């Protein structure tokens, strides 16, 4: 089975920074994920992270999102059903950040 290739991009909007991730976020690429989110949130009190196209997150990704939520008003957009929405609920991230389900 081929792994989903990780990609992360930033939508440059100073009023509402937005990071879009896709593929698998794990220990191998979580540093890049964290760096992109930190840079996007550097000049804003809030950040939206679109995880709709993310197929897998390990504990390193969860830690990165918790760390961001501790200092930034974090909104995460996720698929209405699937493993990422379940992960956010089980980990408690949905209690410290806003989670928006996208159909």
N, C-alpha and C. Protein backbone atom coordinates (compact mmCIF):
# COMPACT_ATOMS: atom_id res chain seq x y z
N UNK A 1 0.84 -1.17 0.00
CA UNK A 1 0.00 0.00 0.00
C UNK A 1 0.89 1.25 0.00
N UNK A 2 0.64 2.16 -0.89
CA UNK A 2 1.44 3.39 -0.99
C UNK A 2 0.98 4.38 0.07
N UNK A 3 1.93 5.07 0.68
CA UNK A 3 1.61 6.08 1.67
C UNK A 3 1.15 7.34 0.97
N UNK A 4 0.20 8.04 1.59
CA UNK A 4 -0.26 9.32 1.06
C UNK A 4 0.84 10.35 1.30
N UNK A 5 1.23 11.03 0.26
CA UNK A 5 2.31 12.01 0.37
C UNK A 5 1.85 13.23 1.15
N UNK A 6 2.66 13.65 2.10
CA UNK A 6 2.36 14.81 2.93
C UNK A 6 2.61 16.09 2.15
N UNK A 7 1.68 17.02 2.28
CA UNK A 7 1.83 18.36 1.71
C UNK A 7 1.23 19.35 2.70
N UNK A 8 1.83 20.51 2.77
CA UNK A 8 1.29 21.58 3.60
C UNK A 8 1.52 22.91 2.90
N UNK A 9 0.48 23.72 2.83
CA UNK A 9 0.56 25.02 2.18
C UNK A 9 -0.12 26.06 3.07
N UNK A 10 0.21 27.31 2.80
CA UNK A 10 -0.37 28.42 3.55
C UNK A 10 -1.14 29.30 2.59
N UNK A 11 -2.34 29.68 3.00
CA UNK A 11 -3.11 30.69 2.28
C UNK A 11 -2.77 32.01 2.95
N UNK A 12 -2.09 32.87 2.24
CA UNK A 12 -1.60 34.13 2.81
C UNK A 12 -2.73 35.13 2.93
N UNK A 13 -3.25 35.25 4.13
CA UNK A 13 -4.29 36.22 4.45
C UNK A 13 -4.01 36.74 5.85
N UNK A 14 -3.45 37.93 5.99
CA UNK A 14 -3.08 38.44 7.30
C UNK A 14 -4.24 38.48 8.29
N UNK A 15 -5.45 38.69 7.81
CA UNK A 15 -6.61 38.77 8.69
C UNK A 15 -7.01 37.39 9.22
N UNK A 16 -6.77 36.36 8.43
CA UNK A 16 -7.18 35.02 8.83
C UNK A 16 -6.25 33.98 8.21
N UNK A 17 -5.08 33.75 8.82
CA UNK A 17 -4.13 32.79 8.25
C UNK A 17 -4.75 31.39 8.21
N UNK A 18 -4.40 30.66 7.17
CA UNK A 18 -5.02 29.37 6.88
C UNK A 18 -3.95 28.41 6.37
N UNK A 19 -3.81 27.26 7.03
CA UNK A 19 -2.87 26.23 6.61
C UNK A 19 -3.68 25.05 6.08
N UNK A 20 -3.27 24.51 4.95
CA UNK A 20 -3.95 23.35 4.37
C UNK A 20 -2.96 22.20 4.32
N UNK A 21 -3.32 21.09 4.97
CA UNK A 21 -2.47 19.91 4.99
C UNK A 21 -3.17 18.76 4.28
N UNK A 22 -2.36 17.85 3.73
CA UNK A 22 -2.92 16.65 3.11
C UNK A 22 -1.94 15.50 3.27
N UNK A 23 -2.46 14.30 3.11
CA UNK A 23 -1.63 13.11 3.25
C UNK A 23 -1.52 12.66 4.69
N UNK A 24 -0.38 12.08 5.04
CA UNK A 24 -0.15 11.56 6.38
C UNK A 24 0.80 12.47 7.15
N UNK A 25 0.40 12.84 8.37
CA UNK A 25 1.26 13.66 9.23
C UNK A 25 1.79 12.74 10.33
N UNK A 26 3.11 12.58 10.35
CA UNK A 26 3.71 11.67 11.32
C UNK A 26 5.07 12.21 11.77
N UNK A 27 5.79 11.41 12.52
CA UNK A 27 7.07 11.84 13.07
C UNK A 27 8.05 12.30 11.99
N UNK A 28 7.95 11.72 10.80
CA UNK A 28 8.88 12.07 9.72
C UNK A 28 8.68 13.48 9.19
N UNK A 29 7.48 14.02 9.30
CA UNK A 29 7.23 15.34 8.71
C UNK A 29 6.57 16.33 9.66
N UNK A 30 6.38 15.95 10.93
CA UNK A 30 5.71 16.84 11.86
C UNK A 30 6.48 18.14 12.08
N UNK A 31 7.80 18.11 11.96
CA UNK A 31 8.59 19.33 12.10
C UNK A 31 8.22 20.37 11.06
N UNK A 32 8.07 19.93 9.83
CA UNK A 32 7.65 20.85 8.76
C UNK A 32 6.24 21.37 9.03
N UNK A 33 5.35 20.49 9.45
CA UNK A 33 3.97 20.87 9.79
C UNK A 33 3.97 21.94 10.88
N UNK A 34 4.72 21.72 11.96
CA UNK A 34 4.82 22.69 13.05
C UNK A 34 5.40 24.02 12.58
N UNK A 35 6.46 23.97 11.80
CA UNK A 35 7.10 25.20 11.32
C UNK A 35 6.15 26.03 10.48
N UNK A 36 5.43 25.39 9.58
CA UNK A 36 4.49 26.12 8.72
C UNK A 36 3.38 26.73 9.56
N UNK A 37 2.84 25.97 10.51
CA UNK A 37 1.77 26.52 11.36
C UNK A 37 2.29 27.68 12.21
N UNK A 38 3.47 27.54 12.78
CA UNK A 38 4.04 28.61 13.62
C UNK A 38 4.26 29.89 12.82
N UNK A 39 4.79 29.75 11.62
CA UNK A 39 5.02 30.94 10.78
C UNK A 39 3.70 31.58 10.39
N UNK A 40 2.70 30.77 10.06
CA UNK A 40 1.40 31.31 9.65
C UNK A 40 0.72 32.03 10.81
N UNK A 41 0.92 31.55 12.03
CA UNK A 41 0.26 32.13 13.20
C UNK A 41 1.09 33.23 13.87
N UNK A 42 2.28 33.47 13.40
CA UNK A 42 3.20 34.40 14.07
C UNK A 42 2.62 35.80 14.25
N UNK A 43 1.89 36.29 13.29
CA UNK A 43 1.37 37.65 13.37
C UNK A 43 -0.13 37.70 13.58
N UNK A 44 -0.69 36.61 14.10
CA UNK A 44 -2.13 36.55 14.29
C UNK A 44 -2.44 35.79 15.58
N UNK A 45 -3.55 36.12 16.18
CA UNK A 45 -3.98 35.42 17.40
C UNK A 45 -4.79 34.18 17.07
N UNK A 46 -5.03 33.97 15.77
CA UNK A 46 -5.82 32.80 15.39
C UNK A 46 -5.24 32.14 14.14
N UNK A 47 -5.60 30.87 13.97
CA UNK A 47 -5.15 30.12 12.80
C UNK A 47 -6.18 29.06 12.48
N UNK A 48 -6.45 28.89 11.19
CA UNK A 48 -7.31 27.81 10.72
C UNK A 48 -6.42 26.78 10.04
N UNK A 49 -6.59 25.52 10.43
CA UNK A 49 -5.84 24.42 9.83
C UNK A 49 -6.84 23.47 9.18
N UNK A 50 -6.74 23.35 7.87
CA UNK A 50 -7.63 22.48 7.10
C UNK A 50 -7.01 21.09 7.03
N UNK A 51 -7.67 20.13 7.67
CA UNK A 51 -7.19 18.74 7.72
C UNK A 51 -8.09 17.81 6.92
N UNK A 52 -8.95 18.35 6.07
CA UNK A 52 -9.91 17.53 5.32
C UNK A 52 -9.21 16.46 4.49
N UNK A 53 -8.08 16.78 3.89
CA UNK A 53 -7.38 15.83 3.02
C UNK A 53 -6.29 15.04 3.76
N UNK A 54 -6.25 15.14 5.09
CA UNK A 54 -5.28 14.36 5.87
C UNK A 54 -5.87 12.97 6.12
N UNK A 55 -5.08 11.97 5.82
CA UNK A 55 -5.55 10.59 5.96
C UNK A 55 -5.09 9.93 7.25
N UNK A 56 -4.05 10.51 7.89
CA UNK A 56 -3.48 9.90 9.10
C UNK A 56 -2.72 10.94 9.89
N UNK A 57 -2.87 10.90 11.22
CA UNK A 57 -2.07 11.72 12.13
C UNK A 57 -1.58 10.82 13.25
N UNK A 58 -0.30 10.89 13.58
CA UNK A 58 0.19 10.14 14.73
C UNK A 58 0.25 11.06 15.95
N UNK A 59 0.78 10.54 17.05
CA UNK A 59 0.81 11.32 18.29
C UNK A 59 1.66 12.58 18.18
N UNK A 60 2.67 12.58 17.33
CA UNK A 60 3.49 13.78 17.13
C UNK A 60 2.64 14.91 16.53
N UNK A 61 1.77 14.58 15.61
CA UNK A 61 0.89 15.58 15.01
C UNK A 61 -0.11 16.11 16.04
N UNK A 62 -0.63 15.21 16.87
CA UNK A 62 -1.57 15.61 17.92
C UNK A 62 -0.88 16.56 18.89
N UNK A 63 0.36 16.25 19.29
CA UNK A 63 1.12 17.13 20.19
C UNK A 63 1.33 18.50 19.55
N UNK A 64 1.64 18.53 18.27
CA UNK A 64 1.85 19.80 17.57
C UNK A 64 0.58 20.65 17.58
N UNK A 65 -0.55 20.02 17.37
CA UNK A 65 -1.82 20.75 17.37
C UNK A 65 -2.18 21.23 18.78
N UNK A 66 -1.94 20.41 19.80
CA UNK A 66 -2.16 20.84 21.19
C UNK A 66 -1.27 22.03 21.53
N UNK A 67 -0.02 21.98 21.14
CA UNK A 67 0.91 23.08 21.43
C UNK A 67 0.43 24.37 20.78
N UNK A 68 -0.03 24.28 19.57
CA UNK A 68 -0.54 25.45 18.87
C UNK A 68 -1.80 25.98 19.54
N UNK A 69 -2.70 25.08 19.94
CA UNK A 69 -3.95 25.49 20.58
C UNK A 69 -3.70 26.17 21.92
N UNK A 70 -2.56 25.91 22.55
CA UNK A 70 -2.24 26.53 23.83
C UNK A 70 -1.90 28.01 23.70
N UNK A 71 -1.52 28.44 22.50
CA UNK A 71 -1.09 29.83 22.31
C UNK A 71 -1.88 30.58 21.25
N UNK A 72 -2.74 29.88 20.53
CA UNK A 72 -3.44 30.46 19.38
C UNK A 72 -4.88 29.99 19.38
N UNK A 73 -5.79 30.84 18.96
CA UNK A 73 -7.18 30.41 18.77
C UNK A 73 -7.20 29.54 17.51
N UNK A 74 -7.24 28.25 17.72
CA UNK A 74 -7.11 27.28 16.63
C UNK A 74 -8.46 26.76 16.18
N UNK A 75 -8.68 26.80 14.87
CA UNK A 75 -9.84 26.18 14.25
C UNK A 75 -9.32 25.11 13.30
N UNK A 76 -9.87 23.91 13.40
CA UNK A 76 -9.48 22.82 12.52
C UNK A 76 -10.70 22.41 11.69
N UNK A 77 -10.49 22.31 10.40
CA UNK A 77 -11.55 21.86 9.49
C UNK A 77 -11.24 20.41 9.15
N UNK A 78 -12.21 19.53 9.36
CA UNK A 78 -12.00 18.10 9.14
C UNK A 78 -13.16 17.53 8.34
N UNK A 79 -12.95 16.35 7.77
CA UNK A 79 -14.02 15.64 7.09
C UNK A 79 -15.10 15.29 8.12
N UNK A 80 -16.35 15.32 7.70
CA UNK A 80 -17.46 15.06 8.61
C UNK A 80 -17.37 13.69 9.27
N UNK A 81 -16.84 12.74 8.56
CA UNK A 81 -16.65 11.40 9.10
C UNK A 81 -15.25 10.93 8.77
N UNK A 82 -14.70 10.09 9.63
CA UNK A 82 -13.39 9.54 9.33
C UNK A 82 -12.45 9.56 10.51
N UNK A 83 -11.25 9.06 10.29
CA UNK A 83 -10.31 8.87 11.40
C UNK A 83 -9.81 10.16 12.04
N UNK A 84 -9.70 11.23 11.29
CA UNK A 84 -9.16 12.47 11.86
C UNK A 84 -10.17 13.09 12.83
N UNK A 85 -11.42 13.10 12.46
CA UNK A 85 -12.45 13.63 13.38
C UNK A 85 -12.50 12.78 14.65
N UNK A 86 -12.42 11.48 14.50
CA UNK A 86 -12.41 10.58 15.66
C UNK A 86 -11.19 10.84 16.53
N UNK A 87 -10.03 11.00 15.92
CA UNK A 87 -8.79 11.27 16.66
C UNK A 87 -8.89 12.55 17.47
N UNK A 88 -9.45 13.60 16.89
CA UNK A 88 -9.58 14.87 17.61
C UNK A 88 -10.48 14.72 18.82
N UNK A 89 -11.53 13.92 18.69
CA UNK A 89 -12.44 13.70 19.82
C UNK A 89 -11.79 12.85 20.91
N UNK A 90 -11.12 11.78 20.52
CA UNK A 90 -10.49 10.89 21.50
C UNK A 90 -9.36 11.59 22.24
N UNK A 91 -8.59 12.39 21.52
CA UNK A 91 -7.43 13.08 22.12
C UNK A 91 -7.83 14.26 22.99
N UNK A 92 -9.03 14.79 22.78
CA UNK A 92 -9.48 15.97 23.52
C UNK A 92 -9.17 17.28 22.82
N UNK A 93 -8.59 17.22 21.65
CA UNK A 93 -8.31 18.45 20.90
C UNK A 93 -9.59 19.23 20.60
N UNK A 94 -10.69 18.52 20.47
CA UNK A 94 -11.96 19.21 20.19
C UNK A 94 -12.46 20.01 21.39
N UNK A 95 -11.83 19.84 22.55
CA UNK A 95 -12.21 20.60 23.74
C UNK A 95 -11.34 21.85 23.94
N UNK A 96 -10.21 21.92 23.24
CA UNK A 96 -9.33 23.09 23.39
C UNK A 96 -9.22 23.92 22.10
N UNK A 97 -9.85 23.43 21.06
CA UNK A 97 -9.86 24.13 19.77
C UNK A 97 -11.22 23.94 19.12
N UNK A 98 -11.51 24.76 18.15
CA UNK A 98 -12.77 24.64 17.42
C UNK A 98 -12.59 23.65 16.29
N UNK A 99 -13.52 22.72 16.18
CA UNK A 99 -13.49 21.74 15.10
C UNK A 99 -14.73 21.95 14.23
N UNK A 100 -14.51 22.13 12.94
CA UNK A 100 -15.58 22.34 11.98
C UNK A 100 -15.60 21.15 11.04
N UNK A 101 -16.73 20.47 10.96
CA UNK A 101 -16.86 19.31 10.08
C UNK A 101 -17.32 19.78 8.70
N UNK A 102 -16.63 19.29 7.69
CA UNK A 102 -16.94 19.65 6.31
C UNK A 102 -17.48 18.41 5.60
N UNK A 103 -18.65 18.55 5.02
CA UNK A 103 -19.27 17.44 4.29
C UNK A 103 -18.53 17.15 3.02
